[in-house]
Structure formats: structure tokens, C-alpha cells
C-alpha atoms as a PDB file:
ATOM      1  CA  UNK A   1     188.324   7.242 -43.765  1.00  0.00           C
ATOM      2  CA  UNK A   2     189.924   4.105 -42.404  1.00  0.00           C
ATOM      3  CA  UNK A   3     187.731   1.572 -40.727  1.00  0.00           C
ATOM      4  CA  UNK A   4     188.272   1.020 -37.021  1.00  0.00           C
ATOM      5  CA  UNK A   5     189.271  -2.468 -35.954  1.00  0.00           C
ATOM      6  CA  UNK A   6     186.455  -4.035 -33.949  1.00  0.00           C
ATOM      7  CA  UNK A   7     184.685  -0.766 -33.101  1.00  0.00           C
ATOM      8  CA  UNK A   8     182.562  -0.696 -29.948  1.00  0.00           C
ATOM      9  CA  UNK A   9     178.806  -0.775 -30.109  1.00  0.00           C
ATOM     10  CA  UNK A  10     177.385   2.763 -29.697  1.00  0.00           C
ATOM     11  CA  UNK A  11     175.732   1.546 -26.509  1.00  0.00           C
ATOM     12  CA  UNK A  12     179.147   1.453 -24.839  1.00  0.00           C
ATOM     13  CA  UNK A  13     179.663   5.168 -25.494  1.00  0.00           C
ATOM     14  CA  UNK A  14     176.082   5.892 -24.504  1.00  0.00           C
ATOM     15  CA  UNK A  15     176.663   4.134 -21.184  1.00  0.00           C
ATOM     16  CA  UNK A  16     179.523   6.563 -20.499  1.00  0.00           C
ATOM     17  CA  UNK A  17     177.360   9.555 -21.462  1.00  0.00           C
ATOM     18  CA  UNK A  18     174.501   8.638 -19.126  1.00  0.00           C
ATOM     19  CA  UNK A  19     176.999   8.021 -16.314  1.00  0.00           C
ATOM     20  CA  UNK A  20     175.443   7.016 -13.002  1.00  0.00           C
ATOM     21  CA  UNK A  21     171.897   7.815 -14.167  1.00  0.00           C
ATOM     22  CA  UNK A  22     169.740   4.707 -13.683  1.00  0.00           C
ATOM     23  CA  UNK A  23     168.553   3.140 -16.945  1.00  0.00           C
ATOM     24  CA  UNK A  24     164.895   3.672 -16.048  1.00  0.00           C
ATOM     25  CA  UNK A  25     165.453   7.368 -15.404  1.00  0.00           C
ATOM     26  CA  UNK A  26     167.492   7.803 -18.602  1.00  0.00           C
ATOM     27  CA  UNK A  27     164.769   6.008 -20.581  1.00  0.00           C
ATOM     28  CA  UNK A  28     162.110   8.280 -19.084  1.00  0.00           C
ATOM     29  CA  UNK A  29     164.122  11.372 -20.044  1.00  0.00           C
ATOM     30  CA  UNK A  30     164.506  10.031 -23.592  1.00  0.00           C
ATOM     31  CA  UNK A  31     160.802   9.099 -23.714  1.00  0.00           C
ATOM     32  CA  UNK A  32     161.516   5.459 -24.614  1.00  0.00           C
ATOM     33  CA  UNK A  33     160.788   2.164 -22.897  1.00  0.00           C
ATOM     34  CA  UNK A  34     163.398   1.026 -20.392  1.00  0.00           C
ATOM     35  CA  UNK A  35     163.779  -2.221 -22.357  1.00  0.00           C
ATOM     36  CA  UNK A  36     164.547  -0.285 -25.556  1.00  0.00           C
ATOM     37  CA  UNK A  37     167.332   1.682 -23.929  1.00  0.00           C
ATOM     38  CA  UNK A  38     168.641  -1.411 -22.161  1.00  0.00           C
ATOM     39  CA  UNK A  39     168.914  -3.306 -25.464  1.00  0.00           C
ATOM     40  CA  UNK A  40     170.967  -0.468 -26.970  1.00  0.00           C
ATOM     41  CA  UNK A  41     173.188  -0.169 -23.901  1.00  0.00           C
ATOM     42  CA  UNK A  42     173.844  -3.918 -23.970  1.00  0.00           C
ATOM     43  CA  UNK A  43     174.594  -3.997 -27.714  1.00  0.00           C
ATOM     44  CA  UNK A  44     171.520  -6.034 -28.625  1.00  0.00           C
ATOM     45  CA  UNK A  45     169.778  -3.261 -30.612  1.00  0.00           C
ATOM     46  CA  UNK A  46     170.962  -0.744 -33.168  1.00  0.00           C
ATOM     47  CA  UNK A  47     170.801   3.017 -32.876  1.00  0.00           C
ATOM     48  CA  UNK A  48     168.137   4.177 -35.340  1.00  0.00           C
ATOM     49  CA  UNK A  49     167.861   7.619 -36.902  1.00  0.00           C
ATOM     50  CA  UNK A  50     164.989   8.466 -34.545  1.00  0.00           C
ATOM     51  CA  UNK A  51     167.021   7.375 -31.520  1.00  0.00           C
ATOM     52  CA  UNK A  52     170.066   9.312 -32.772  1.00  0.00           C
ATOM     53  CA  UNK A  53     167.894  12.437 -32.817  1.00  0.00           C
ATOM     54  CA  UNK A  54     166.802  11.786 -29.220  1.00  0.00           C
ATOM     55  CA  UNK A  55     170.416  11.313 -28.111  1.00  0.00           C
ATOM     56  CA  UNK A  56     171.336  14.502 -29.955  1.00  0.00           C
ATOM     57  CA  UNK A  57     168.623  16.444 -28.122  1.00  0.00           C
ATOM     58  CA  UNK A  58     169.499  14.916 -24.752  1.00  0.00           C
ATOM     59  CA  UNK A  59     173.288  15.292 -24.905  1.00  0.00           C
ATOM     60  CA  UNK A  60     173.796  18.219 -27.262  1.00  0.00           C
ATOM     61  CA  UNK A  61     175.613  15.984 -29.734  1.00  0.00           C
ATOM     62  CA  UNK A  62     175.184  15.615 -33.481  1.00  0.00           C
ATOM     63  CA  UNK A  63     172.831  12.811 -34.544  1.00  0.00           C
ATOM     64  CA  UNK A  64     175.414  11.835 -37.167  1.00  0.00           C
ATOM     65  CA  UNK A  65     177.783  10.849 -34.363  1.00  0.00           C
ATOM     66  CA  UNK A  66     175.455   8.085 -33.215  1.00  0.00           C
ATOM     67  CA  UNK A  67     174.626   6.912 -36.740  1.00  0.00           C
ATOM     68  CA  UNK A  68     178.321   6.892 -37.722  1.00  0.00           C
ATOM     69  CA  UNK A  69     179.174   4.797 -34.673  1.00  0.00           C
ATOM     70  CA  UNK A  70     176.412   2.344 -35.539  1.00  0.00           C
ATOM     71  CA  UNK A  71     177.512   2.178 -39.162  1.00  0.00           C
ATOM     72  CA  UNK A  72     181.146   1.487 -38.234  1.00  0.00           C
ATOM     73  CA  UNK A  73     180.016  -1.256 -35.870  1.00  0.00           C
ATOM     74  CA  UNK A  74     177.681  -2.827 -38.443  1.00  0.00           C
ATOM     75  CA  UNK A  75     180.214  -2.678 -41.290  1.00  0.00           C
ATOM     76  CA  UNK A  76     182.988  -4.253 -39.271  1.00  0.00           C
ATOM     77  CA  UNK A  77     180.771  -7.114 -38.133  1.00  0.00           C
ATOM     78  CA  UNK A  78     179.341  -7.623 -41.621  1.00  0.00           C
ATOM     79  CA  UNK A  79     182.861  -7.754 -43.059  1.00  0.00           C
ATOM     80  CA  UNK A  80     183.691 -10.612 -40.676  1.00  0.00           C
ATOM     81  CA  UNK A  81     180.856 -12.822 -41.950  1.00  0.00           C
ATOM     82  CA  UNK A  82     181.120 -15.149 -44.902  1.00  0.00           C
ATOM     83  CA  UNK A  83     179.532 -13.637 -47.994  1.00  0.00           C
ATOM     84  CA  UNK A  84     179.018 -14.766 -51.592  1.00  0.00           C
ATOM     85  CA  UNK A  85     181.476 -13.888 -54.333  1.00  0.00           C
ATOM     86  CA  UNK A  86     180.020 -10.980 -56.270  1.00  0.00           C
ATOM     87  CA  UNK A  87     181.091 -10.116 -59.812  1.00  0.00           C
ATOM     88  CA  UNK A  88     181.978  -6.540 -60.647  1.00  0.00           C
ATOM     89  CA  UNK A  89     179.903  -4.618 -63.119  1.00  0.00           C
ATOM     90  CA  UNK A  90     181.773  -3.495 -66.240  1.00  0.00           C
ATOM     91  CA  UNK A  91     182.795   0.157 -66.228  1.00  0.00           C
ATOM     92  CA  UNK A  92     180.551   2.437 -68.271  1.00  0.00           C
ATOM     93  CA  UNK A  93     182.189   3.791 -71.399  1.00  0.00           C
END
């Protein structure tokens, strides 16, 4: 699988899925604090496995969708940061 260039935070897709539903109402339906949902929608918090399961239940999606989106986002941003040079391990014989 090729990595997407600058993938969106899963919160951007989530915002489309909740549509015109107010954040407070969406949070109540998901049984989470409004601030928790707001942080995800604004890209300041990651989608956890537990939250992916809630989104799956609420939208009829697969929880893997949400975790894959988060992973793509995290990997792309991590790849943009400076990191130490790491030596390869020798191949096992």
C-alpha cells in the first residue's frame, strides 16, 4: 500500500459524517464528553481503538477504517520529523 501524501486527520472525515449535527448532540449519541469529540474533530486528539468502535457502531462503518486513517496520519507526520540514524540488524542466517 502506498502512503498518502499529507493525509487528513480522521476528524475531518468524521466532521463530514456527522454533518449538521451539533457537536454536543453527536457527543451525547457517542456517549463521550463534548470536549473529547471536539478535540478529535479539530485534529488535536487521536482516534483510539475504543473510539473507533463507537464510530463503527454509530455510522455502520468498520472500526479498522478509523484506525487506518489515524495510522496514515500519524505515520506521515512522524516521517516528516527529524529522527536518529538507526543501524540495520544483520539478516538471520
